[in-house]
Amino acid sequence: RAAVDQQCQVLAYELLGQYFGVESKRAVIAAELPQDRLEDH
C-alpha cells in the first residue's frame, strides 16, 4: 500500500509539470484570441 501510494504521489507531481505547460499555452491563447475563433478549432 505504501509503495502504491508513494508512486501515485510521484505521478501526480509529474503530471503537474505537464499540466502547467498545457494550461499556460491554453490560457494565453484563450486570453489573446476571440472565443468564436477558438470554438471550432
Full PDB file with SEQRES, HELIX, SHEET, SSBOND, CRYST1, ORIGX, SCALE, CONECT and MASTER records, all heavy atoms in Angstrom:
SEQRES   1 A   41  ARG ALA ALA VAL ASP GLN GLN CYS GLN VAL LEU ALA TYR          
SEQRES   2 A   41  GLU LEU LEU GLY GLN TYR PHE GLY VAL GLU SER LYS ARG          
SEQRES   3 A   41  ALA VAL ILE ALA ALA GLU LEU PRO GLN ASP ARG LEU GLU          
SEQRES   4 A   41  ASP HIS                                                      
HELIX    1 AA1 ALA A    2  GLU A   32  1                                  31    
HELIX    2 AA2 GLN A   35  LEU A   38  1                                   4    
CRYST1    1.000    1.000    1.000  90.00  90.00  90.00 P 1           1          
ORIGX1      1.000000  0.000000  0.000000        0.00000                         
ORIGX2      0.000000  1.000000  0.000000        0.00000                         
ORIGX3      0.000000  0.000000  1.000000        0.00000                         
SCALE1      1.000000  0.000000  0.000000        0.00000                         
SCALE2      0.000000  1.000000  0.000000        0.00000                         
SCALE3      0.000000  0.000000  1.000000        0.00000                         
ATOM      1  N   ARG A   1       0.824  -1.204   0.000  1.00  0.00           N  
ATOM      2  CA  ARG A   1       0.000   0.000   0.000  1.00  0.00           C  
ATOM      3  C   ARG A   1       0.859   1.256   0.000  1.00  0.00           C  
ATOM      4  O   ARG A   1       0.576   2.214  -0.721  1.00  0.00           O  
ATOM      5  CB  ARG A   1      -0.939   0.012   1.198  1.00  0.00           C  
ATOM      6  CG  ARG A   1      -2.080  -0.977   1.077  1.00  0.00           C  
ATOM      7  CD  ARG A   1      -2.985  -0.924   2.285  1.00  0.00           C  
ATOM      8  NE  ARG A   1      -4.150  -1.781   2.116  1.00  0.00           N  
ATOM      9  CZ  ARG A   1      -5.120  -1.874   2.999  1.00  0.00           C  
ATOM     10  NH1 ARG A   1      -5.083  -1.163   4.113  1.00  0.00           N  
ATOM     11  NH2 ARG A   1      -6.139  -2.674   2.768  1.00  0.00           N  
ATOM     12  N   ALA A   2       1.909   1.258   0.815  1.00  0.00           N  
ATOM     13  CA  ALA A   2       2.799   2.425   0.883  1.00  0.00           C  
ATOM     14  C   ALA A   2       3.505   2.660  -0.456  1.00  0.00           C  
ATOM     15  O   ALA A   2       3.634   3.800  -0.900  1.00  0.00           O  
ATOM     16  CB  ALA A   2       3.827   2.247   2.004  1.00  0.00           C  
ATOM     17  N   ALA A   3       3.956   1.586  -1.087  1.00  0.00           N  
ATOM     18  CA  ALA A   3       4.647   1.731  -2.379  1.00  0.00           C  
ATOM     19  C   ALA A   3       3.703   2.286  -3.439  1.00  0.00           C  
ATOM     20  O   ALA A   3       4.078   3.179  -4.214  1.00  0.00           O  
ATOM     21  CB  ALA A   3       5.218   0.381  -2.822  1.00  0.00           C  
ATOM     22  N   VAL A   4       2.478   1.787  -3.490  1.00  0.00           N  
ATOM     23  CA  VAL A   4       1.496   2.301  -4.452  1.00  0.00           C  
ATOM     24  C   VAL A   4       1.211   3.768  -4.166  1.00  0.00           C  
ATOM     25  O   VAL A   4       1.195   4.605  -5.072  1.00  0.00           O  
ATOM     26  CB  VAL A   4       0.192   1.458  -4.421  1.00  0.00           C  
ATOM     27  CG1 VAL A   4      -0.941   2.155  -5.170  1.00  0.00           C  
ATOM     28  CG2 VAL A   4       0.451   0.070  -5.004  1.00  0.00           C  
ATOM     29  N   ASP A   5       1.012   4.098  -2.914  1.00  0.00           N  
ATOM     30  CA  ASP A   5       0.724   5.476  -2.525  1.00  0.00           C  
ATOM     31  C   ASP A   5       1.867   6.421  -2.918  1.00  0.00           C  
ATOM     32  O   ASP A   5       1.639   7.484  -3.496  1.00  0.00           O  
ATOM     33  CB  ASP A   5       0.472   5.532  -1.024  1.00  0.00           C  
ATOM     34  CG  ASP A   5      -0.196   6.810  -0.597  1.00  0.00           C  
ATOM     35  OD1 ASP A   5      -1.251   7.161  -1.167  1.00  0.00           O  
ATOM     36  OD2 ASP A   5       0.328   7.470   0.320  1.00  0.00           O  
ATOM     37  N   GLN A   6       3.096   6.029  -2.623  1.00  0.00           N  
ATOM     38  CA  GLN A   6       4.259   6.857  -2.974  1.00  0.00           C  
ATOM     39  C   GLN A   6       4.345   7.080  -4.476  1.00  0.00           C  
ATOM     40  O   GLN A   6       4.581   8.205  -4.937  1.00  0.00           O  
ATOM     41  CB  GLN A   6       5.550   6.217  -2.470  1.00  0.00           C  
ATOM     42  CG  GLN A   6       5.715   6.275  -0.988  1.00  0.00           C  
ATOM     43  CD  GLN A   6       6.875   5.425  -0.505  1.00  0.00           C  
ATOM     44  OE1 GLN A   6       7.535   4.733  -1.276  1.00  0.00           O  
ATOM     45  NE2 GLN A   6       7.129   5.466   0.795  1.00  0.00           N  
ATOM     46  N   GLN A   7       4.159   6.024  -5.248  1.00  0.00           N  
ATOM     47  CA  GLN A   7       4.258   6.157  -6.701  1.00  0.00           C  
ATOM     48  C   GLN A   7       3.129   7.018  -7.261  1.00  0.00           C  
ATOM     49  O   GLN A   7       3.320   7.740  -8.237  1.00  0.00           O  
ATOM     50  CB  GLN A   7       4.299   4.788  -7.359  1.00  0.00           C  
ATOM     51  CG  GLN A   7       5.570   4.007  -7.067  1.00  0.00           C  
ATOM     52  CD  GLN A   7       6.836   4.777  -7.416  1.00  0.00           C  
ATOM     53  OE1 GLN A   7       6.927   5.396  -8.466  1.00  0.00           O  
ATOM     54  NE2 GLN A   7       7.812   4.752  -6.534  1.00  0.00           N  
ATOM     55  N   CYS A   8       1.960   6.962  -6.655  1.00  0.00           N  
ATOM     56  CA  CYS A   8       0.854   7.833  -7.098  1.00  0.00           C  
ATOM     57  C   CYS A   8       1.179   9.298  -6.838  1.00  0.00           C  
ATOM     58  O   CYS A   8       0.869  10.163  -7.664  1.00  0.00           O  
ATOM     59  CB  CYS A   8      -0.435   7.446  -6.399  1.00  0.00           C  
ATOM     60  SG  CYS A   8      -1.184   5.947  -7.049  1.00  0.00           S  
ATOM     61  N   GLN A   9       1.797   9.575  -5.710  1.00  0.00           N  
ATOM     62  CA  GLN A   9       2.173  10.951  -5.420  1.00  0.00           C  
ATOM     63  C   GLN A   9       3.237  11.445  -6.399  1.00  0.00           C  
ATOM     64  O   GLN A   9       3.156  12.570  -6.897  1.00  0.00           O  
ATOM     65  CB  GLN A   9       2.661  11.069  -3.980  1.00  0.00           C  
ATOM     66  CG  GLN A   9       1.532  10.907  -2.968  1.00  0.00           C  
ATOM     67  CD  GLN A   9       2.026  11.007  -1.543  1.00  0.00           C  
ATOM     68  OE1 GLN A   9       2.626  12.008  -1.185  1.00  0.00           O  
ATOM     69  NE2 GLN A   9       1.766   9.986  -0.752  1.00  0.00           N  
ATOM     70  N   VAL A  10       4.210  10.607  -6.710  1.00  0.00           N  
ATOM     71  CA  VAL A  10       5.235  10.969  -7.689  1.00  0.00           C  
ATOM     72  C   VAL A  10       4.582  11.240  -9.042  1.00  0.00           C  
ATOM     73  O   VAL A  10       4.884  12.232  -9.712  1.00  0.00           O  
ATOM     74  CB  VAL A  10       6.316   9.872  -7.801  1.00  0.00           C  
ATOM     75  CG1 VAL A  10       7.239  10.125  -8.979  1.00  0.00           C  
ATOM     76  CG2 VAL A  10       7.108   9.755  -6.506  1.00  0.00           C  
ATOM     77  N   LEU A  11       3.668  10.369  -9.449  1.00  0.00           N  
ATOM     78  CA  LEU A  11       2.962  10.541 -10.709  1.00  0.00           C  
ATOM     79  C   LEU A  11       2.201  11.861 -10.728  1.00  0.00           C  
ATOM     80  O   LEU A  11       2.216  12.589 -11.726  1.00  0.00           O  
ATOM     81  CB  LEU A  11       2.000   9.369 -10.952  1.00  0.00           C  
ATOM     82  CG  LEU A  11       1.120   9.452 -12.197  1.00  0.00           C  
ATOM     83  CD1 LEU A  11       1.958   9.489 -13.465  1.00  0.00           C  
ATOM     84  CD2 LEU A  11       0.144   8.274 -12.227  1.00  0.00           C  
ATOM     85  N   ALA A  12       1.543  12.193  -9.630  1.00  0.00           N  
ATOM     86  CA  ALA A  12       0.786  13.449  -9.560  1.00  0.00           C  
ATOM     87  C   ALA A  12       1.695  14.647  -9.794  1.00  0.00           C  
ATOM     88  O   ALA A  12       1.336  15.566 -10.538  1.00  0.00           O  
ATOM     89  CB  ALA A  12       0.086  13.560  -8.205  1.00  0.00           C  
ATOM     90  N   TYR A  13       2.868  14.648  -9.203  1.00  0.00           N  
ATOM     91  CA  TYR A  13       3.787  15.774  -9.390  1.00  0.00           C  
ATOM     92  C   TYR A  13       4.347  15.823 -10.812  1.00  0.00           C  
ATOM     93  O   TYR A  13       4.551  16.904 -11.365  1.00  0.00           O  
ATOM     94  CB  TYR A  13       4.895  15.748  -8.338  1.00  0.00           C  
ATOM     95  CG  TYR A  13       4.376  16.198  -6.989  1.00  0.00           C  
ATOM     96  CD1 TYR A  13       4.198  15.295  -5.954  1.00  0.00           C  
ATOM     97  CD2 TYR A  13       4.024  17.531  -6.760  1.00  0.00           C  
ATOM     98  CE1 TYR A  13       3.693  15.700  -4.723  1.00  0.00           C  
ATOM     99  CE2 TYR A  13       3.523  17.946  -5.545  1.00  0.00           C  
ATOM    100  CZ  TYR A  13       3.358  17.027  -4.528  1.00  0.00           C  
ATOM    101  OH  TYR A  13       2.854  17.430  -3.323  1.00  0.00           O  
ATOM    102  N   GLU A  14       4.573  14.660 -11.408  1.00  0.00           N  
ATOM    103  CA  GLU A  14       4.990  14.637 -12.821  1.00  0.00           C  
ATOM    104  C   GLU A  14       3.892  15.232 -13.704  1.00  0.00           C  
ATOM    105  O   GLU A  14       4.167  16.021 -14.608  1.00  0.00           O  
ATOM    106  CB  GLU A  14       5.283  13.210 -13.268  1.00  0.00           C  
ATOM    107  CG  GLU A  14       6.564  12.630 -12.723  1.00  0.00           C  
ATOM    108  CD  GLU A  14       6.753  11.177 -13.121  1.00  0.00           C  
ATOM    109  OE1 GLU A  14       5.824  10.553 -13.680  1.00  0.00           O  
ATOM    110  OE2 GLU A  14       7.854  10.655 -12.861  1.00  0.00           O  
ATOM    111  N   LEU A  15       2.664  14.839 -13.438  1.00  0.00           N  
ATOM    112  CA  LEU A  15       1.540  15.344 -14.228  1.00  0.00           C  
ATOM    113  C   LEU A  15       1.316  16.836 -13.997  1.00  0.00           C  
ATOM    114  O   LEU A  15       0.859  17.541 -14.903  1.00  0.00           O  
ATOM    115  CB  LEU A  15       0.267  14.553 -13.909  1.00  0.00           C  
ATOM    116  CG  LEU A  15       0.281  13.088 -14.331  1.00  0.00           C  
ATOM    117  CD1 LEU A  15      -0.949  12.367 -13.790  1.00  0.00           C  
ATOM    118  CD2 LEU A  15       0.380  12.945 -15.832  1.00  0.00           C  
ATOM    119  N   LEU A  16       1.647  17.333 -12.807  1.00  0.00           N  
ATOM    120  CA  LEU A  16       1.548  18.770 -12.535  1.00  0.00           C  
ATOM    121  C   LEU A  16       2.411  19.562 -13.509  1.00  0.00           C  
ATOM    122  O   LEU A  16       1.970  20.578 -14.051  1.00  0.00           O  
ATOM    123  CB  LEU A  16       1.999  19.081 -11.107  1.00  0.00           C  
ATOM    124  CG  LEU A  16       0.951  19.154 -10.035  1.00  0.00           C  
ATOM    125  CD1 LEU A  16       1.601  19.319  -8.673  1.00  0.00           C  
ATOM    126  CD2 LEU A  16      -0.032  20.264 -10.284  1.00  0.00           C  
ATOM    127  N   GLY A  17       3.628  19.114 -13.724  1.00  0.00           N  
ATOM    128  CA  GLY A  17       4.517  19.798 -14.666  1.00  0.00           C  
ATOM    129  C   GLY A  17       3.928  19.812 -16.061  1.00  0.00           C  
ATOM    130  O   GLY A  17       3.958  20.838 -16.753  1.00  0.00           O  
ATOM    131  N   GLN A  18       3.386  18.686 -16.478  1.00  0.00           N  
ATOM    132  CA  GLN A  18       2.767  18.619 -17.800  1.00  0.00           C  
ATOM    133  C   GLN A  18       1.535  19.531 -17.858  1.00  0.00           C  
ATOM    134  O   GLN A  18       1.325  20.244 -18.840  1.00  0.00           O  
ATOM    135  CB  GLN A  18       2.383  17.177 -18.121  1.00  0.00           C  
ATOM    136  CG  GLN A  18       1.847  17.005 -19.518  1.00  0.00           C  
ATOM    137  CD  GLN A  18       1.503  15.554 -19.823  1.00  0.00           C  
ATOM    138  OE1 GLN A  18       1.724  14.651 -19.033  1.00  0.00           O  
ATOM    139  NE2 GLN A  18       0.942  15.341 -20.994  1.00  0.00           N  
ATOM    140  N   TYR A  19       0.730  19.515 -16.810  1.00  0.00           N  
ATOM    141  CA  TYR A  19      -0.468  20.359 -16.762  1.00  0.00           C  
ATOM    142  C   TYR A  19      -0.108  21.838 -16.876  1.00  0.00           C  
ATOM    143  O   TYR A  19      -0.737  22.584 -17.620  1.00  0.00           O  
ATOM    144  CB  TYR A  19      -1.251  20.105 -15.463  1.00  0.00           C  
ATOM    145  CG  TYR A  19      -2.371  21.090 -15.264  1.00  0.00           C  
ATOM    146  CD1 TYR A  19      -3.574  20.950 -15.935  1.00  0.00           C  
ATOM    147  CD2 TYR A  19      -2.207  22.187 -14.416  1.00  0.00           C  
ATOM    148  CE1 TYR A  19      -4.606  21.864 -15.763  1.00  0.00           C  
ATOM    149  CE2 TYR A  19      -3.227  23.100 -14.246  1.00  0.00           C  
ATOM    150  CZ  TYR A  19      -4.420  22.942 -14.919  1.00  0.00           C  
ATOM    151  OH  TYR A  19      -5.424  23.864 -14.753  1.00  0.00           O  
ATOM    152  N   PHE A  20       0.901  22.268 -16.132  1.00  0.00           N  
ATOM    153  CA  PHE A  20       1.282  23.680 -16.165  1.00  0.00           C  
ATOM    154  C   PHE A  20       1.687  24.109 -17.571  1.00  0.00           C  
ATOM    155  O   PHE A  20       1.356  25.199 -18.019  1.00  0.00           O  
ATOM    156  CB  PHE A  20       2.405  23.975 -15.171  1.00  0.00           C  
ATOM    157  CG  PHE A  20       1.973  23.924 -13.736  1.00  0.00           C  
ATOM    158  CD1 PHE A  20       2.872  23.592 -12.745  1.00  0.00           C  
ATOM    159  CD2 PHE A  20       0.666  24.190 -13.353  1.00  0.00           C  
ATOM    160  CE1 PHE A  20       2.496  23.544 -11.412  1.00  0.00           C  
ATOM    161  CE2 PHE A  20       0.264  24.144 -12.025  1.00  0.00           C  
ATOM    162  CZ  PHE A  20       1.190  23.822 -11.050  1.00  0.00           C  
ATOM    163  N   GLY A  21       2.395  23.247 -18.294  1.00  0.00           N  
ATOM    164  CA  GLY A  21       2.764  23.560 -19.676  1.00  0.00           C  
ATOM    165  C   GLY A  21       1.560  23.664 -20.586  1.00  0.00           C  
ATOM    166  O   GLY A  21       1.419  24.603 -21.376  1.00  0.00           O  
ATOM    167  N   VAL A  22       0.657  22.690 -20.477  1.00  0.00           N  
ATOM    168  CA  VAL A  22      -0.551  22.673 -21.312  1.00  0.00           C  
ATOM    169  C   VAL A  22      -1.471  23.840 -20.948  1.00  0.00           C  
ATOM    170  O   VAL A  22      -1.974  24.552 -21.821  1.00  0.00           O  
ATOM    171  CB  VAL A  22      -1.300  21.318 -21.151  1.00  0.00           C  
ATOM    172  CG1 VAL A  22      -2.684  21.370 -21.758  1.00  0.00           C  
ATOM    173  CG2 VAL A  22      -0.483  20.200 -21.777  1.00  0.00           C  
ATOM    174  N   GLU A  23      -1.683  24.060 -19.663  1.00  0.00           N  
ATOM    175  CA  GLU A  23      -2.617  25.094 -19.211  1.00  0.00           C  
ATOM    176  C   GLU A  23      -2.103  26.496 -19.528  1.00  0.00           C  
ATOM    177  O   GLU A  23      -2.884  27.375 -19.888  1.00  0.00           O  
ATOM    178  CB  GLU A  23      -2.903  24.953 -17.723  1.00  0.00           C  
ATOM    179  CG  GLU A  23      -3.824  26.006 -17.149  1.00  0.00           C  
ATOM    180  CD  GLU A  23      -5.188  26.109 -17.810  1.00  0.00           C  
ATOM    181  OE1 GLU A  23      -5.629  25.153 -18.487  1.00  0.00           O  
ATOM    182  OE2 GLU A  23      -5.822  27.165 -17.665  1.00  0.00           O  
ATOM    183  N   SER A  24      -0.793  26.731 -19.429  1.00  0.00           N  
ATOM    184  CA  SER A  24      -0.285  28.064 -19.759  1.00  0.00           C  
ATOM    185  C   SER A  24      -0.476  28.362 -21.241  1.00  0.00           C  
ATOM    186  O   SER A  24      -0.860  29.478 -21.612  1.00  0.00           O  
ATOM    187  CB  SER A  24       1.177  28.228 -19.344  1.00  0.00           C  
ATOM    188  OG  SER A  24       2.006  27.350 -20.063  1.00  0.00           O  
ATOM    189  N   LYS A  25      -0.257  27.358 -22.081  1.00  0.00           N  
ATOM    190  CA  LYS A  25      -0.478  27.532 -23.513  1.00  0.00           C  
ATOM    191  C   LYS A  25      -1.953  27.806 -23.800  1.00  0.00           C  
ATOM    192  O   LYS A  25      -2.315  28.720 -24.534  1.00  0.00           O  
ATOM    193  CB  LYS A  25      -0.011  26.285 -24.266  1.00  0.00           C  
ATOM    194  CG  LYS A  25      -0.036  26.423 -25.780  1.00  0.00           C  
ATOM    195  CD  LYS A  25       0.393  25.131 -26.462  1.00  0.00           C  
ATOM    196  CE  LYS A  25       1.853  24.863 -26.213  1.00  0.00           C  
ATOM    197  NZ  LYS A  25       2.332  23.677 -26.961  1.00  0.00           N  
ATOM    198  N   ARG A  26      -2.822  26.995 -23.198  1.00  0.00           N  
ATOM    199  CA  ARG A  26      -4.259  27.160 -23.385  1.00  0.00           C  
ATOM    200  C   ARG A  26      -4.738  28.519 -22.877  1.00  0.00           C  
ATOM    201  O   ARG A  26      -5.486  29.236 -23.540  1.00  0.00           O  
ATOM    202  CB  ARG A  26      -5.030  26.046 -22.659  1.00  0.00           C  
ATOM    203  CG  ARG A  26      -6.518  26.002 -23.022  1.00  0.00           C  
ATOM    204  CD  ARG A  26      -7.357  25.421 -21.909  1.00  0.00           C  
ATOM    205  NE  ARG A  26      -7.308  26.166 -20.685  1.00  0.00           N  
ATOM    206  CZ  ARG A  26      -7.963  27.324 -20.464  1.00  0.00           C  
ATOM    207  NH1 ARG A  26      -8.693  27.858 -21.403  1.00  0.00           N  
ATOM    208  NH2 ARG A  26      -7.863  27.936 -19.306  1.00  0.00           N  
ATOM    209  N   ALA A  27      -4.260  28.924 -21.707  1.00  0.00           N  
ATOM    210  CA  ALA A  27      -4.705  30.178 -21.090  1.00  0.00           C  
ATOM    211  C   ALA A  27      -4.266  31.399 -21.880  1.00  0.00           C  
ATOM    212  O   ALA A  27      -5.035  32.352 -22.049  1.00  0.00           O  
ATOM    213  CB  ALA A  27      -4.192  30.260 -19.653  1.00  0.00           C  
ATOM    214  N   VAL A  28      -3.050  31.396 -22.397  1.00  0.00           N  
ATOM    215  CA  VAL A  28      -2.580  32.568 -23.142  1.00  0.00           C  
ATOM    216  C   VAL A  28      -3.299  32.679 -24.486  1.00  0.00           C  
ATOM    217  O   VAL A  28      -3.641  33.781 -24.923  1.00  0.00           O  
ATOM    218  CB  VAL A  28      -1.040  32.578 -23.296  1.00  0.00           C  
ATOM    219  CG1 VAL A  28      -0.549  31.586 -24.333  1.00  0.00           C  
ATOM    220  CG2 VAL A  28      -0.542  33.974 -23.618  1.00  0.00           C  
ATOM    221  N   ILE A  29      -3.572  31.563 -25.126  1.00  0.00           N  
ATOM    222  CA  ILE A  29      -4.323  31.598 -26.391  1.00  0.00           C  
ATOM    223  C   ILE A  29      -5.756  32.071 -26.134  1.00  0.00           C  
ATOM    224  O   ILE A  29      -6.282  32.919 -26.859  1.00  0.00           O  
ATOM    225  CB  ILE A  29      -4.302  30.214 -27.076  1.00  0.00           C  
ATOM    226  CG1 ILE A  29      -2.890  29.898 -27.573  1.00  0.00           C  
ATOM    227  CG2 ILE A  29      -5.299  30.164 -28.233  1.00  0.00           C  
ATOM    228  CD1 ILE A  29      -2.696  28.467 -28.050  1.00  0.00           C  
ATOM    229  N   ALA A  30      -6.372  31.560 -25.082  1.00  0.00           N  
ATOM    230  CA  ALA A  30      -7.748  31.967 -24.743  1.00  0.00           C  
ATOM    231  C   ALA A  30      -7.822  33.442 -24.384  1.00  0.00           C  
ATOM    232  O   ALA A  30      -8.816  34.111 -24.681  1.00  0.00           O  
ATOM    233  CB  ALA A  30      -8.276  31.112 -23.594  1.00  0.00           C  
ATOM    234  N   ALA A  31      -6.772  33.975 -23.773  1.00  0.00           N  
ATOM    235  CA  ALA A  31      -6.756  35.387 -23.388  1.00  0.00           C  
ATOM    236  C   ALA A  31      -6.534  36.311 -24.591  1.00  0.00           C  
ATOM    237  O   ALA A  31      -7.010  37.444 -24.604  1.00  0.00           O  
ATOM    238  CB  ALA A  31      -5.677  35.635 -22.343  1.00  0.00           C  
ATOM    239  N   GLU A  32      -5.853  35.835 -25.594  1.00  0.00           N  
ATOM    240  CA  GLU A  32      -5.469  36.684 -26.718  1.00  0.00           C  
ATOM    241  C   GLU A  32      -6.399  36.597 -27.927  1.00  0.00           C  
ATOM    242  O   GLU A  32      -6.487  37.541 -28.700  1.00  0.00           O  
ATOM    243  CB  GLU A  32      -4.040  36.346 -27.162  1.00  0.00           C  
ATOM    244  CG  GLU A  32      -2.976  36.707 -26.139  1.00  0.00           C  
ATOM    245  CD  GLU A  32      -2.858  38.208 -25.894  1.00  0.00           C  
ATOM    246  OE1 GLU A  32      -3.032  38.998 -26.835  1.00  0.00           O  
ATOM    247  OE2 GLU A  32      -2.617  38.578 -24.733  1.00  0.00           O  
ATOM    248  N   LEU A  33      -7.070  35.474 -28.102  1.00  0.00           N  
ATOM    249  CA  LEU A  33      -7.897  35.293 -29.300  1.00  0.00           C  
ATOM    250  C   LEU A  33      -9.381  35.319 -28.952  1.00  0.00           C  
ATOM    251  O   LEU A  33      -9.779  34.873 -27.871  1.00  0.00           O  
ATOM    252  CB  LEU A  33      -7.549  33.974 -29.992  1.00  0.00           C  
ATOM    253  CG  LEU A  33      -6.116  33.874 -30.521  1.00  0.00           C  
ATOM    254  CD1 LEU A  33      -5.850  32.487 -31.059  1.00  0.00           C  
ATOM    255  CD2 LEU A  33      -5.839  34.918 -31.583  1.00  0.00           C  
ATOM    256  N   PRO A  34     -10.212  35.811 -29.859  1.00  0.00           N  
ATOM    257  CA  PRO A  34     -11.656  35.838 -29.594  1.00  0.00           C  
ATOM    258  C   PRO A  34     -12.228  34.420 -29.490  1.00  0.00           C  
ATOM    259  O   PRO A  34     -11.790  33.505 -30.195  1.00  0.00           O  
ATOM    260  CB  PRO A  34     -12.238  36.575 -30.803  1.00  0.00           C  
ATOM    261  CG  PRO A  34     -11.145  36.728 -31.788  1.00  0.00           C  
ATOM    262  CD  PRO A  34      -9.846  36.382 -31.146  1.00  0.00           C  
ATOM    263  N   GLN A  35     -13.229  34.272 -28.629  1.00  0.00           N  
ATOM    264  CA  GLN A  35     -13.840  32.972 -28.359  1.00  0.00           C  
ATOM    265  C   GLN A  35     -14.385  32.303 -29.618  1.00  0.00           C  
ATOM    266  O   GLN A  35     -14.245  31.104 -29.797  1.00  0.00           O  
ATOM    267  CB  GLN A  35     -14.949  33.118 -27.314  1.00  0.00           C  
ATOM    268  CG  GLN A  35     -15.574  31.816 -26.876  1.00  0.00           C  
ATOM    269  CD  GLN A  35     -14.603  30.874 -26.178  1.00  0.00           C  
ATOM    270  OE1 GLN A  35     -13.661  31.309 -25.525  1.00  0.00           O  
ATOM    271  NE2 GLN A  35     -14.814  29.585 -26.344  1.00  0.00           N  
ATOM    272  N   ASP A  36     -14.989  33.085 -30.519  1.00  0.00           N  
ATOM    273  CA  ASP A  36     -15.581  32.485 -31.721  1.00  0.00           C  
ATOM    274  C   ASP A  36     -14.527  31.855 -32.626  1.00  0.00           C  
ATOM    275  O   ASP A  36     -14.806  30.930 -33.373  1.00  0.00           O  
ATOM    276  CB  ASP A  36     -16.427  33.507 -32.490  1.00  0.00           C  
ATOM    277  CG  ASP A  36     -15.616  34.686 -33.017  1.00  0.00           C  
ATOM    278  OD1 ASP A  36     -14.557  35.011 -32.424  1.00  0.00           O  
ATOM    279  OD2 ASP A  36     -16.042  35.281 -34.025  1.00  0.00           O  
ATOM    280  N   ARG A  37     -13.317  32.323 -32.556  1.00  0.00           N  
ATOM    281  CA  ARG A  37     -12.222  31.752 -33.352  1.00  0.00           C  
ATOM    282  C   ARG A  37     -11.730  30.425 -32.757  1.00  0.00           C  
ATOM    283  O   ARG A  37     -11.207  29.572 -33.469  1.00  0.00           O  
ATOM    284  CB  ARG A  37     -11.080  32.758 -33.436  1.00  0.00           C  
ATOM    285  CG  ARG A  37     -10.045  32.373 -34.433  1.00  0.00           C  
ATOM    286  CD  ARG A  37      -9.146  33.507 -34.786  1.00  0.00           C  
ATOM    287  NE  ARG A  37      -7.987  32.983 -35.476  1.00  0.00           N  
ATOM    288  CZ  ARG A  37      -6.795  33.516 -35.433  1.00  0.00           C  
ATOM    289  NH1 ARG A  37      -6.595  34.626 -34.767  1.00  0.00           N  
ATOM    290  NH2 ARG A  37      -5.798  32.960 -36.077  1.00  0.00           N  
ATOM    291  N   LEU A  38     -11.920  30.265 -31.450  1.00  0.00           N  
ATOM    292  CA  LEU A  38     -11.429  29.071 -30.754  1.00  0.00           C  
ATOM    293  C   LEU A  38     -12.457  27.939 -30.713  1.00  0.00           C  
ATOM    294  O   LEU A  38     -12.082  26.775 -30.585  1.00  0.00           O  
ATOM    295  CB  LEU A  38     -11.037  29.432 -29.319  1.00  0.00           C  
ATOM    296  CG  LEU A  38      -9.927  30.470 -29.175  1.00  0.00           C  
ATOM    297  CD1 LEU A  38      -9.710  30.784 -27.706  1.00  0.00           C  
ATOM    298  CD2 LEU A  38      -8.653  29.999 -29.824  1.00  0.00           C  
ATOM    299  N   GLU A  39     -13.742  28.275 -30.822  1.00  0.00           N  
ATOM    300  CA  GLU A  39     -14.801  27.286 -30.642  1.00  0.00           C  
ATOM    301  C   GLU A  39     -14.691  26.084 -31.572  1.00  0.00           C  
ATOM    302  O   GLU A  39     -14.920  24.956 -31.157  1.00  0.00           O  
ATOM    303  CB  GLU A  39     -16.174  27.949 -30.815  1.00  0.00           C  
ATOM    304  CG  GLU A  39     -16.546  28.820 -29.650  1.00  0.00           C  
ATOM    305  CD  GLU A  39     -17.848  29.574 -29.876  1.00  0.00           C  
ATOM    306  OE1 GLU A  39     -18.409  29.491 -30.989  1.00  0.00           O  
ATOM    307  OE2 GLU A  39     -18.287  30.245 -28.937  1.00  0.00           O  
ATOM    308  N   ASP A  40     -14.355  26.297 -32.808  1.00  0.00           N  
ATOM    309  CA  ASP A  40     -14.291  25.202 -33.781  1.00  0.00           C  
ATOM    310  C   ASP A  40     -12.867  24.795 -34.142  1.00  0.00           C  
ATOM    311  O   ASP A  40     -12.659  24.086 -35.121  1.00  0.00           O  
ATOM    312  CB  ASP A  40     -15.056  25.590 -35.057  1.00  0.00           C  
ATOM    313  CG  ASP A  40     -16.533  25.787 -34.785  1.00  0.00           C  
ATOM    314  OD1 ASP A  40     -17.074  25.065 -33.925  1.00  0.00           O  
ATOM    315  OD2 ASP A  40     -17.141  26.670 -35.425  1.00  0.00           O  
ATOM    316  N   HIS A  41     -11.917  25.225 -33.364  1.00  0.00           N  
ATOM    317  CA  HIS A  41     -10.517  24.900 -33.647  1.00  0.00           C  
ATOM    318  C   HIS A  41     -10.158  23.573 -32.975  1.00  0.00           C  
ATOM    319  O   HIS A  41     -10.152  23.462 -31.746  1.00  0.00           O  
ATOM    320  CB  HIS A  41      -9.602  26.023 -33.150  1.00  0.00           C  
ATOM    321  CG  HIS A  41      -8.234  25.953 -33.724  1.00  0.00           C  
ATOM    322  ND1 HIS A  41      -7.270  25.137 -33.199  1.00  0.00           N  
ATOM    323  CD2 HIS A  41      -7.680  26.569 -34.793  1.00  0.00           C  
ATOM    324  CE1 HIS A  41      -6.155  25.270 -33.900  1.00  0.00           C  
ATOM    325  NE2 HIS A  41      -6.382  26.129 -34.875  1.00  0.00           N  
TER     326      HIS A  41                                                      
MASTER        0    0    0    2    0    0    0    6  325    1    0    4          
END                                                                             
